[in-house]
Amino acid sequence: MKKIKKFLLGRATIVALAILLQLAWILSFLQGFRMRYSFLNSIIDIIAIFVVLVIVNKKSNPSYKIAWMVVILAIPIVGLLVYFIFGRSELTRPTRKRMEAINREMETKLPDNAGVLARLREEDKSVYRQAKYIRDWAKFPVYQNTEAKYYKTGEEMFPDILEALEEAQRFIFMEYFIVEEGYMFGKILEILKRKAAQGVDVRFIYDDFGCVTTLPAKYYQNMQEWGIQCVRFNPLYPVMSVIMNNRDHRKILVSDGKVGFTGGINLADEYINRVERFGYWKDTGLRLEGEGVWSFTVMFLEMWDYINRSNEPDLDRYRPRHYQVMPFTSDGYVQPYADSPLDSETTGENIYMNMIAKAKDYVYIFTPYLILDNEMIRTLQNAAKSGVDVRIIMPGIPDKKVVYWMSQSYYEPLIECGVRIYQYKPGFLHAKCFVSDDSLATVGSINMDYRSLYLHFECGVFMYKTSAVAEVKKDMLQTMAESEEINMEFCQKRPAAIRTFLGVVRLFAPLL
């Protein structure tokens, strides 16, 4: 009874009901108006055609455009209303201008590292082109003098997070999609409170939508009372709004500018398997120590300035070498990067596709979701057809059943071209990693679905010849040994009606 009451009175339920009521009222009003004035049907049809033409000419993913065009033309009133609320990924003009100004300012703080890029070109021109793409189009440089450590589970990473927080003497920056009160966040919060009391600059960003069911509505005020500077990204209100689409899905922790963490791990107990949800929760993370952490510091401060409408007066005091006297150890090349819905550049997707297309021997992939556009499907198919060993590891137990079924609808066209797909039997796999040819890997927050690739703020680290690359491969092989390989029989044993239904519904996969 308590759980039911909590659900009914929860913020997520109230917000969802408020939005549904607004939708229902607007639809009812428009329908009544249309019944009284029949000429409105023609006007709505004209508006629908005009909007479809606008969508056609937009610089966005073709699959995403087609899905919205079908909805709008099939049911114009509902389609138009839902599109104007949920379909447009554009930020408002003032918001966009403010964030673009912050981006330009932050770009001036990032080093060019042309010498590092030149050395990389001498070692491998193919890798150089990927690194050059990230630098030129995402504006994030490639670094040496940085060590990378890979974590195959959340419980393996958690002690190092606590240690990094304990060692912080000057500042701690944290940015997460999901934060939930419990053992994991309780341990972290205990340190943050103590550090803030000691005068350490502690700042925290959480996504309000990601935390809608896990934190009270004004939890950020509690954090502020404890001395922690805390803000919400894109606060969720019970009002229909376009900007609900854009979420901060990043996972960033920076301690004193010299140690940084990222990956798929949020701050909730299932991520360290303190509680069980969907079987064993398999997730991964990455720790950087050295000059490459500077890019994560800049990412965080960029978001901080945007949310606070502020301008950080002195970024240089947060640089890795500001407090580090001894030189950092070099471990291959690392290139932290961010992806933003602000522009038409799909950085995360392009990095993924480049790794697949340029793989010579193999490419292995961890992803919790598999909602792909035609370009990504063809890239995976062509790599497999060319003799590259392409393997994708998915969850065995889903967290979202509809998305899981949708993901499985992509299995057949991939498997028939030689892609090998595995499902992790012990539980839910939430990791987002690529590894190829014993030399390249990327670890971050970016899922292989439309929301991560087109609508969310994301981050990751591209690596070449770091010790972490071998650890990523080792983990993937161990995970495959615990997984079930999916064959064509699995795909075809479903009734024809269900397969047909999923094929039709897949047309609308970009809207999930």
Protein backbone atom coordinates (compact mmCIF):
# COMPACT_ATOMS: atom_id res chain seq x y z
CA MET A 1 0.00 0.00 0.00
CA LYS A 2 2.85 2.40 0.87
CA LYS A 3 4.50 1.74 -2.50
CA ILE A 4 1.23 2.41 -4.34
CA LYS A 5 0.68 5.63 -2.39
CA LYS A 6 4.26 6.71 -3.02
CA PHE A 7 3.83 6.02 -6.75
CA LEU A 8 0.52 7.89 -7.00
CA LEU A 9 1.82 10.91 -5.10
CA GLY A 10 5.28 10.82 -6.68
CA ARG A 11 6.58 13.72 -8.74
CA ALA A 12 6.87 11.59 -11.88
CA THR A 13 3.20 10.58 -11.69
CA ILE A 14 2.03 14.13 -11.03
CA VAL A 15 4.10 15.57 -13.89
CA ALA A 16 2.98 12.83 -16.30
CA LEU A 17 -0.69 13.26 -15.38
CA ALA A 18 -0.47 17.04 -15.69
CA ILE A 19 1.04 16.79 -19.17
CA LEU A 20 -1.50 14.16 -20.26
CA LEU A 21 -4.36 16.34 -19.01
CA GLN A 22 -2.97 19.31 -20.94
CA LEU A 23 -2.69 17.18 -24.07
CA ALA A 24 -6.22 15.84 -23.63
CA TRP A 25 -7.66 19.33 -23.07
CA ILE A 26 -5.93 20.80 -26.12
CA LEU A 27 -6.96 17.85 -28.31
CA SER A 28 -10.54 18.05 -27.05
CA PHE A 29 -10.63 21.79 -27.69
CA LEU A 30 -9.23 21.44 -31.20
CA GLN A 31 -11.53 18.53 -32.03
CA GLY A 32 -14.60 20.47 -30.86
CA PHE A 33 -13.50 23.51 -32.80
CA ARG A 34 -12.95 21.39 -35.89
CA MET A 35 -16.42 19.82 -35.58
CA ARG A 36 -18.05 23.25 -35.46
CA TYR A 37 -15.97 24.78 -38.21
CA SER A 38 -15.32 22.21 -40.93
CA PHE A 39 -13.00 24.55 -42.84
CA LEU A 40 -10.46 23.96 -40.05
CA ASN A 41 -9.86 20.46 -41.45
CA SER A 42 -8.39 21.98 -44.58
CA ILE A 43 -6.30 24.44 -42.57
CA ILE A 44 -4.94 21.64 -40.35
CA ASP A 45 -4.11 19.57 -43.45
CA ILE A 46 -2.25 22.53 -44.96
CA ILE A 47 -0.34 23.09 -41.71
CA ALA A 48 0.51 19.37 -41.58
CA ILE A 49 1.89 19.45 -45.14
CA PHE A 50 3.85 22.61 -44.38
CA VAL A 51 5.36 21.08 -41.22
CA VAL A 52 6.26 17.92 -43.13
CA LEU A 53 8.07 20.02 -45.74
CA VAL A 54 9.94 21.81 -42.96
CA ILE A 55 10.92 18.43 -41.46
CA VAL A 56 12.11 17.18 -44.87
CA ASN A 57 14.49 20.12 -45.17
CA LYS A 58 15.88 19.84 -41.65
CA LYS A 59 19.45 18.68 -41.11
CA SER A 60 18.59 15.67 -39.00
CA ASN A 61 18.54 11.90 -39.23
CA PRO A 62 16.35 10.60 -42.13
CA SER A 63 14.79 7.84 -39.99
CA TYR A 64 13.84 10.39 -37.34
CA LYS A 65 12.26 12.62 -39.99
CA ILE A 66 10.32 9.79 -41.64
CA ALA A 67 8.84 8.64 -38.32
CA TRP A 68 7.49 12.12 -37.56
CA MET A 69 6.23 12.62 -41.10
CA VAL A 70 4.20 9.40 -40.93
CA VAL A 71 2.67 10.36 -37.57
CA ILE A 72 1.77 13.89 -38.71
CA LEU A 73 0.24 12.81 -42.02
CA ALA A 74 -1.64 9.84 -40.52
CA ILE A 75 -3.23 11.72 -37.59
CA PRO A 76 -2.66 15.44 -38.25
CA ILE A 77 -4.14 16.98 -35.08
CA VAL A 78 -2.49 14.57 -32.66
CA GLY A 79 0.68 14.33 -34.74
CA LEU A 80 1.16 18.09 -34.98
CA LEU A 81 0.52 18.65 -31.29
CA VAL A 82 2.85 15.88 -30.15
CA TYR A 83 5.53 16.97 -32.65
CA PHE A 84 5.51 20.59 -31.47
CA ILE A 85 5.88 19.43 -27.87
CA PHE A 86 8.18 16.42 -28.11
CA GLY A 87 9.50 16.23 -31.66
CA ARG A 88 11.60 19.33 -31.98
CA SER A 89 15.09 18.96 -30.54
CA GLU A 90 15.96 22.60 -31.08
CA LEU A 91 16.56 24.76 -28.05
CA THR A 92 14.99 28.20 -27.93
CA ARG A 93 16.96 30.90 -29.74
CA PRO A 94 18.06 32.75 -26.56
CA THR A 95 19.10 29.46 -24.95
CA ARG A 96 21.01 28.38 -28.03
CA LYS A 97 22.77 31.74 -28.36
CA ARG A 98 23.78 31.70 -24.70
CA MET A 99 25.16 28.18 -24.90
CA GLU A 100 26.97 28.82 -28.18
CA ALA A 101 28.66 31.85 -26.61
CA ILE A 102 29.77 29.71 -23.66
CA ASN A 103 31.01 27.02 -26.07
CA ARG A 104 33.11 29.52 -27.99
CA GLU A 105 34.63 30.85 -24.78
CA MET A 106 35.43 27.36 -23.50
CA GLU A 107 37.00 26.34 -26.81
CA THR A 108 39.64 29.01 -26.30
CA LYS A 109 40.63 27.27 -23.06
CA LEU A 110 41.30 23.91 -24.71
CA PRO A 111 44.83 23.30 -26.02
CA ASP A 112 45.38 22.58 -29.68
CA ASN A 113 47.95 19.85 -28.93
CA ALA A 114 49.06 19.91 -32.57
CA GLY A 115 52.33 18.22 -31.63
CA VAL A 116 50.52 15.26 -30.07
CA LEU A 117 48.30 14.99 -33.15
CA ALA A 118 51.37 15.06 -35.41
CA ARG A 119 52.99 12.22 -33.44
CA LEU A 120 49.78 10.24 -33.74
CA ARG A 121 49.81 10.78 -37.50
CA GLU A 122 53.26 9.24 -37.69
CA GLU A 123 52.07 6.19 -35.76
CA ASP A 124 48.75 5.49 -37.51
CA LYS A 125 47.07 7.70 -40.10
CA SER A 126 43.70 6.03 -39.68
CA VAL A 127 43.64 6.74 -35.94
CA TYR A 128 44.96 10.23 -36.64
CA ARG A 129 41.95 10.94 -38.84
CA GLN A 130 39.56 9.91 -36.07
CA ALA A 131 41.42 12.10 -33.55
CA LYS A 132 41.51 14.99 -36.02
CA TYR A 133 37.76 14.67 -36.57
CA ILE A 134 37.13 14.90 -32.82
CA ARG A 135 39.43 17.90 -32.47
CA ASP A 136 38.13 19.80 -35.50
CA TRP A 137 34.41 19.11 -35.12
CA ALA A 138 33.88 18.43 -31.41
CA LYS A 139 36.74 20.82 -30.46
CA PHE A 140 38.35 18.42 -27.96
CA PRO A 141 42.10 17.73 -28.32
CA VAL A 142 44.01 14.47 -28.05
CA TYR A 143 46.38 14.10 -25.08
CA GLN A 144 49.38 12.14 -23.93
CA ASN A 145 50.73 12.34 -20.35
CA THR A 146 47.55 10.67 -19.12
CA GLU A 147 46.91 7.27 -17.56
CA ALA A 148 43.67 5.39 -18.17
CA LYS A 149 42.18 2.72 -15.89
CA TYR A 150 39.18 0.64 -16.94
CA TYR A 151 36.58 -0.74 -14.53
CA LYS A 152 34.49 -3.75 -15.52
CA THR A 153 31.91 -3.22 -12.77
CA GLY A 154 30.51 -0.42 -10.66
CA GLU A 155 31.55 -2.08 -7.41
CA GLU A 156 35.13 -2.20 -8.72
CA MET A 157 35.08 1.51 -9.54
CA PHE A 158 33.33 2.74 -6.39
CA PRO A 159 36.30 2.50 -3.95
CA ASP A 160 38.47 4.52 -6.35
CA ILE A 161 35.77 7.19 -6.58
CA LEU A 162 35.70 7.46 -2.79
CA GLU A 163 39.50 7.63 -2.67
CA ALA A 164 39.63 10.40 -5.29
CA LEU A 165 37.03 12.39 -3.36
CA GLU A 166 38.90 11.92 -0.08
CA GLU A 167 42.13 13.14 -1.68
CA ALA A 168 40.58 16.31 -3.13
CA GLN A 169 42.06 19.44 -1.60
CA ARG A 170 40.81 22.21 -3.89
CA PHE A 171 37.76 21.27 -5.93
CA ILE A 172 35.32 18.47 -6.78
CA PHE A 173 33.04 18.63 -9.84
CA MET A 174 30.30 16.01 -10.35
CA GLU A 175 27.70 15.75 -13.12
CA TYR A 176 25.28 12.81 -13.28
CA PHE A 177 22.04 11.76 -14.97
CA ILE A 178 20.67 9.61 -12.12
CA VAL A 179 21.27 10.16 -8.41
CA GLU A 180 19.38 8.18 -5.79
CA GLU A 181 19.49 8.30 -2.02
CA GLY A 182 20.99 5.07 -0.72
CA TYR A 183 24.26 3.43 0.26
CA MET A 184 26.33 4.54 -2.75
CA PHE A 185 25.30 8.17 -2.83
CA GLY A 186 25.21 8.28 0.97
CA LYS A 187 28.92 7.43 1.14
CA ILE A 188 29.71 10.02 -1.52
CA LEU A 189 27.54 12.68 0.10
CA GLU A 190 29.25 12.14 3.45
CA ILE A 191 32.60 13.03 1.87
CA LEU A 192 31.17 15.96 -0.11
CA LYS A 193 29.70 17.52 3.03
CA ARG A 194 32.99 17.16 4.88
CA LYS A 195 35.04 18.54 1.99
CA ALA A 196 32.68 21.50 1.58
CA ALA A 197 33.04 22.25 5.30
CA GLN A 198 36.84 22.19 4.85
CA GLY A 199 36.63 24.86 2.15
CA VAL A 200 36.92 22.62 -0.91
CA ASP A 201 35.00 23.99 -3.93
CA VAL A 202 32.33 21.28 -4.31
CA ARG A 203 29.91 21.56 -7.25
CA PHE A 204 27.21 19.13 -8.33
CA ILE A 205 24.92 18.92 -11.38
CA TYR A 206 22.13 16.39 -11.74
CA ASP A 207 19.54 15.97 -14.47
CA ASP A 208 16.09 16.67 -13.07
CA PHE A 209 14.33 14.22 -15.39
CA GLY A 210 16.82 11.45 -14.60
CA CYS A 211 16.19 11.99 -10.89
CA VAL A 212 12.42 12.53 -11.06
CA THR A 213 11.70 9.23 -9.27
CA THR A 214 14.86 9.11 -7.14
CA LEU A 215 15.21 12.54 -5.48
CA PRO A 216 12.76 15.01 -3.92
CA ALA A 217 11.78 17.94 -6.14
CA LYS A 218 14.02 20.48 -4.40
CA TYR A 219 16.86 18.24 -3.30
CA TYR A 220 19.36 20.70 -4.72
CA GLN A 221 18.36 23.10 -1.94
CA ASN A 222 19.34 20.49 0.65
CA MET A 223 22.74 20.17 -1.04
CA GLN A 224 23.19 23.93 -0.94
CA GLU A 225 22.39 23.98 2.78
CA TRP A 226 25.19 21.45 3.30
CA GLY A 227 27.66 23.78 1.58
CA ILE A 228 27.59 21.96 -1.76
CA GLN A 229 26.98 24.16 -4.79
CA CYS A 230 24.26 22.22 -6.60
CA VAL A 231 22.06 22.87 -9.64
CA ARG A 232 19.54 20.91 -11.70
CA PHE A 233 19.86 20.57 -15.44
CA ASN A 234 16.65 21.42 -17.30
CA PRO A 235 14.21 21.36 -14.34
CA LEU A 236 11.11 19.29 -14.95
CA TYR A 237 7.79 21.09 -14.54
CA PRO A 238 4.22 19.80 -15.09
CA VAL A 239 3.97 21.91 -18.25
CA MET A 240 4.41 20.76 -21.84
CA SER A 241 7.74 21.98 -23.19
CA VAL A 242 10.04 21.30 -26.14
CA ILE A 243 13.18 21.35 -23.98
CA MET A 244 12.05 18.25 -22.07
CA ASN A 245 13.66 16.32 -24.95
CA ASN A 246 17.19 17.44 -24.17
CA ARG A 247 18.67 15.76 -21.10
CA ASP A 248 22.11 15.75 -19.50
CA HIS A 249 23.02 12.05 -19.75
CA ARG A 250 26.71 12.58 -18.96
CA LYS A 251 28.61 11.02 -16.07
CA ILE A 252 31.56 13.17 -15.01
CA LEU A 253 33.60 13.37 -11.81
CA VAL A 254 36.71 15.57 -11.54
CA SER A 255 38.92 15.77 -8.45
CA ASP A 256 41.47 18.61 -8.27
CA GLY A 257 41.70 18.67 -12.07
CA LYS A 258 44.08 15.72 -12.22
CA VAL A 259 41.74 12.74 -11.73
CA GLY A 260 38.52 12.22 -13.68
CA PHE A 261 35.90 9.47 -14.04
CA THR A 262 33.31 8.72 -16.70
CA GLY A 263 31.39 5.76 -18.13
CA GLY A 264 27.87 4.42 -17.76
CA ILE A 265 27.77 4.32 -13.96
CA ASN A 266 25.27 6.59 -12.22
CA LEU A 267 25.01 7.21 -8.47
CA ALA A 268 22.45 4.61 -7.39
CA ASP A 269 22.79 1.33 -5.51
CA GLU A 270 22.00 -0.97 -8.46
CA TYR A 271 25.13 0.32 -10.22
CA ILE A 272 27.30 -1.28 -7.52
CA ASN A 273 24.90 -4.23 -7.07
CA ARG A 274 24.06 -3.18 -3.54
CA VAL A 275 20.46 -3.87 -4.54
CA GLU A 276 19.26 -6.18 -7.30
CA ARG A 277 17.38 -4.82 -10.29
CA PHE A 278 17.01 -6.92 -13.44
CA GLY A 279 19.49 -9.52 -12.21
CA TYR A 280 23.17 -8.60 -12.00
CA TRP A 281 23.79 -5.01 -13.11
CA LYS A 282 26.79 -4.97 -15.43
CA ASP A 283 28.26 -1.54 -16.09
CA THR A 284 31.68 -0.08 -16.83
CA GLY A 285 33.71 3.03 -16.11
CA LEU A 286 36.99 4.76 -16.83
CA ARG A 287 39.42 6.74 -14.69
CA LEU A 288 41.85 9.25 -16.19
CA GLU A 289 44.79 10.77 -14.37
CA GLY A 290 46.81 13.48 -16.06
CA GLU A 291 46.50 16.21 -18.63
CA GLY A 292 43.47 14.68 -20.40
CA VAL A 293 41.28 15.41 -17.36
CA TRP A 294 41.30 19.07 -18.40
CA SER A 295 38.72 18.36 -21.11
CA PHE A 296 36.31 16.97 -18.51
CA THR A 297 36.87 20.04 -16.33
CA VAL A 298 36.00 22.27 -19.28
CA MET A 299 32.90 20.18 -20.11
CA PHE A 300 31.65 20.53 -16.55
CA LEU A 301 32.31 24.27 -16.27
CA GLU A 302 30.66 24.84 -19.64
CA MET A 303 27.46 23.17 -18.39
CA TRP A 304 27.76 24.95 -15.03
CA ASP A 305 27.97 28.37 -16.66
CA TYR A 306 25.01 27.55 -18.92
CA ILE A 307 22.74 26.48 -16.05
CA ASN A 308 23.79 29.34 -13.76
CA ARG A 309 23.91 31.98 -16.52
CA SER A 310 27.38 32.76 -15.20
CA ASN A 311 30.89 33.19 -16.53
CA GLU A 312 33.68 31.40 -14.68
CA PRO A 313 36.22 34.17 -14.00
CA ASP A 314 39.42 32.13 -13.83
CA LEU A 315 39.49 28.73 -15.51
CA ASP A 316 43.26 28.44 -15.35
CA ARG A 317 43.19 27.68 -11.64
CA TYR A 318 41.45 24.39 -12.44
CA ARG A 319 44.12 23.14 -14.85
CA PRO A 320 45.74 19.76 -14.06
CA ARG A 321 49.24 21.19 -13.67
CA HIS A 322 48.16 24.04 -11.41
CA TYR A 323 48.57 21.85 -8.33
CA GLN A 324 50.67 19.02 -9.82
CA VAL A 325 54.42 19.50 -9.55
CA MET A 326 55.59 16.09 -10.76
CA PRO A 327 55.03 15.19 -14.43
CA PHE A 328 52.15 12.89 -15.31
CA THR A 329 52.78 9.39 -16.61
CA SER A 330 51.99 8.84 -20.28
CA ASP A 331 49.89 5.83 -21.32
CA GLY A 332 49.13 5.99 -25.03
CA TYR A 333 46.71 8.61 -26.35
CA VAL A 334 43.41 9.67 -24.78
CA GLN A 335 40.79 12.04 -26.15
CA PRO A 336 37.80 12.91 -23.95
CA TYR A 337 34.90 14.28 -26.01
CA ALA A 338 31.39 15.62 -25.54
CA ASP A 339 28.34 15.36 -27.79
CA SER A 340 25.63 18.00 -27.78
CA PRO A 341 22.18 18.38 -29.39
CA LEU A 342 23.03 22.03 -30.06
CA ASP A 343 24.42 21.32 -33.49
CA SER A 344 23.84 18.93 -36.38
CA GLU A 345 27.16 17.19 -35.71
CA THR A 346 26.43 13.72 -34.31
CA THR A 347 29.85 13.29 -32.73
CA GLY A 348 29.11 10.13 -30.76
CA GLU A 349 27.52 8.32 -33.69
CA ASN A 350 30.34 9.33 -36.04
CA ILE A 351 33.00 8.10 -33.62
CA TYR A 352 31.17 4.77 -33.35
CA MET A 353 30.72 4.42 -37.12
CA ASN A 354 34.35 5.35 -37.80
CA MET A 355 35.54 2.65 -35.41
CA ILE A 356 33.30 0.07 -37.09
CA ALA A 357 34.17 1.10 -40.66
CA LYS A 358 37.93 1.29 -40.04
CA ALA A 359 38.26 -1.92 -38.03
CA LYS A 360 40.63 -4.39 -39.69
CA ASP A 361 40.21 -7.52 -37.59
CA TYR A 362 37.42 -7.06 -35.05
CA VAL A 363 35.13 -4.63 -33.26
CA TYR A 364 33.30 -5.61 -30.07
CA ILE A 365 30.45 -3.53 -28.66
CA PHE A 366 28.67 -3.19 -25.31
CA THR A 367 25.29 -1.42 -25.50
CA PRO A 368 22.09 -1.70 -23.43
CA TYR A 369 19.87 -0.61 -26.34
CA LEU A 370 20.03 -1.19 -30.09
CA ILE A 371 17.79 1.32 -31.86
CA LEU A 372 19.64 2.00 -35.11
CA ASP A 373 19.22 4.10 -38.22
CA ASN A 374 19.87 2.72 -41.70
CA GLU A 375 23.33 4.24 -41.88
CA MET A 376 24.48 2.51 -38.69
CA ILE A 377 22.89 -0.77 -39.81
CA ARG A 378 24.72 -0.64 -43.15
CA THR A 379 28.00 0.24 -41.44
CA LEU A 380 27.73 -2.82 -39.17
CA GLN A 381 26.61 -5.04 -42.06
CA ASN A 382 29.37 -3.90 -44.41
CA ALA A 383 32.06 -4.43 -41.79
CA ALA A 384 30.84 -7.98 -41.14
CA LYS A 385 30.50 -8.71 -44.86
CA SER A 386 34.11 -7.56 -45.33
CA GLY A 387 35.39 -10.16 -42.89
CA VAL A 388 35.61 -8.02 -39.75
CA ASP A 389 34.57 -9.90 -36.61
CA VAL A 390 31.68 -7.72 -35.41
CA ARG A 391 30.12 -8.66 -32.06
CA ILE A 392 27.45 -6.86 -30.04
CA ILE A 393 26.73 -7.73 -26.41
CA MET A 394 23.25 -6.82 -25.15
CA PRO A 395 21.38 -7.35 -21.86
CA GLY A 396 19.78 -10.71 -21.12
CA ILE A 397 17.27 -9.12 -18.74
CA PRO A 398 15.81 -5.79 -19.92
CA ASP A 399 15.06 -2.67 -17.92
CA LYS A 400 12.55 -1.43 -20.54
CA LYS A 401 10.69 -4.27 -22.25
CA VAL A 402 9.28 -2.31 -25.19
CA VAL A 403 12.72 -0.91 -26.06
CA TYR A 404 14.18 -4.40 -25.59
CA TRP A 405 11.74 -5.95 -28.04
CA MET A 406 12.43 -3.12 -30.44
CA SER A 407 16.17 -3.72 -30.09
CA GLN A 408 15.68 -7.42 -30.85
CA SER A 409 13.89 -6.52 -34.07
CA TYR A 410 17.28 -5.37 -35.41
CA TYR A 411 18.95 -8.72 -34.75
CA GLU A 412 17.88 -10.56 -37.91
CA PRO A 413 19.20 -8.12 -40.56
CA LEU A 414 22.50 -7.92 -38.66
CA ILE A 415 22.96 -11.64 -38.00
CA GLU A 416 22.20 -12.59 -41.61
CA CYS A 417 25.14 -10.40 -42.68
CA GLY A 418 27.55 -11.99 -40.20
CA VAL A 419 27.24 -9.78 -37.11
CA ARG A 420 27.35 -11.88 -33.94
CA ILE A 421 24.97 -10.86 -31.16
CA TYR A 422 25.07 -11.98 -27.53
CA GLN A 423 22.69 -11.51 -24.61
CA TYR A 424 24.22 -11.27 -21.13
CA LYS A 425 22.53 -14.08 -19.17
CA PRO A 426 23.21 -12.91 -15.56
CA GLY A 427 21.18 -9.72 -15.96
CA PHE A 428 21.15 -6.20 -17.33
CA LEU A 429 24.13 -4.79 -19.24
CA HIS A 430 24.22 -0.99 -19.06
CA ALA A 431 27.76 -0.44 -20.41
CA LYS A 432 28.58 1.64 -23.50
CA CYS A 433 31.97 0.58 -24.90
CA PHE A 434 33.68 -0.19 -28.21
CA VAL A 435 37.03 -1.94 -28.68
CA SER A 436 38.78 -2.85 -31.92
CA ASP A 437 42.01 -4.32 -33.25
CA ASP A 438 43.78 -4.49 -29.84
CA SER A 439 44.58 -0.78 -30.02
CA LEU A 440 41.39 1.33 -30.01
CA ALA A 441 38.55 1.73 -27.54
CA THR A 442 35.95 4.21 -26.41
CA VAL A 443 34.15 4.21 -23.05
CA GLY A 444 31.43 6.67 -22.13
CA SER A 445 27.75 7.43 -21.61
CA ILE A 446 26.49 7.08 -25.20
CA ASN A 447 23.92 4.36 -25.93
CA MET A 448 23.25 3.07 -29.43
CA ASP A 449 19.81 4.66 -29.60
CA TYR A 450 18.32 7.85 -31.00
CA ARG A 451 18.07 9.70 -27.71
CA SER A 452 21.75 9.31 -26.88
CA LEU A 453 22.94 9.90 -30.42
CA TYR A 454 20.72 12.90 -31.25
CA LEU A 455 18.94 14.44 -28.25
CA HIS A 456 21.10 14.16 -25.14
CA PHE A 457 24.25 15.80 -23.83
CA GLU A 458 26.78 12.95 -23.69
CA CYS A 459 30.48 12.27 -23.17
CA GLY A 460 33.14 9.62 -23.65
CA VAL A 461 36.85 8.94 -24.05
CA PHE A 462 38.50 7.73 -27.26
CA MET A 463 41.72 5.79 -26.55
CA TYR A 464 44.63 4.52 -28.61
CA LYS A 465 47.30 2.17 -27.27
CA THR A 466 46.47 2.72 -23.61
CA SER A 467 46.66 -0.19 -21.16
CA ALA A 468 42.90 0.19 -20.67
CA VAL A 469 42.23 -0.99 -24.25
CA ALA A 470 43.42 -4.52 -23.44
CA GLU A 471 41.28 -4.50 -20.29
CA VAL A 472 38.18 -3.54 -22.30
CA LYS A 473 38.78 -6.43 -24.69
CA LYS A 474 39.42 -8.87 -21.83
CA ASP A 475 36.18 -7.81 -20.16
CA MET A 476 34.20 -8.20 -23.37
CA LEU A 477 35.51 -11.71 -23.95
CA GLN A 478 34.70 -12.69 -20.36
CA THR A 479 31.22 -11.21 -20.72
CA MET A 480 30.62 -13.14 -23.96
CA ALA A 481 31.51 -16.34 -22.09
CA GLU A 482 28.64 -15.53 -19.69
CA SER A 483 26.26 -14.72 -22.52
CA GLU A 484 24.04 -16.57 -24.96
CA GLU A 485 24.81 -16.12 -28.64
CA ILE A 486 21.70 -15.34 -30.65
CA ASN A 487 21.13 -17.19 -33.93
CA MET A 488 18.69 -16.89 -36.81
CA GLU A 489 16.46 -19.54 -35.28
CA PHE A 490 15.92 -17.25 -32.27
CA CYS A 491 14.86 -14.44 -34.61
CA GLN A 492 12.62 -16.55 -36.82
CA LYS A 493 10.84 -18.63 -34.16
CA ARG A 494 8.58 -15.72 -33.33
CA PRO A 495 5.14 -15.86 -34.96
CA ALA A 496 4.99 -14.06 -38.30
CA ALA A 497 2.36 -11.65 -36.97
CA ILE A 498 4.66 -10.48 -34.14
CA ARG A 499 7.62 -10.11 -36.50
CA THR A 500 5.47 -8.08 -38.89
CA PHE A 501 4.15 -5.95 -36.04
CA LEU A 502 7.69 -5.24 -34.76
CA GLY A 503 8.78 -4.39 -38.29
CA VAL A 504 6.01 -1.80 -38.56
CA VAL A 505 6.58 -0.44 -35.06
CA ARG A 506 10.30 -0.17 -35.80
CA LEU A 507 9.39 2.64 -38.16
CA PHE A 508 8.64 4.67 -35.03
CA ALA A 509 11.73 3.54 -33.12
CA PRO A 510 13.36 6.99 -33.44
CA LEU A 511 10.55 8.43 -31.31
CA LEU A 512 11.24 6.15 -28.33
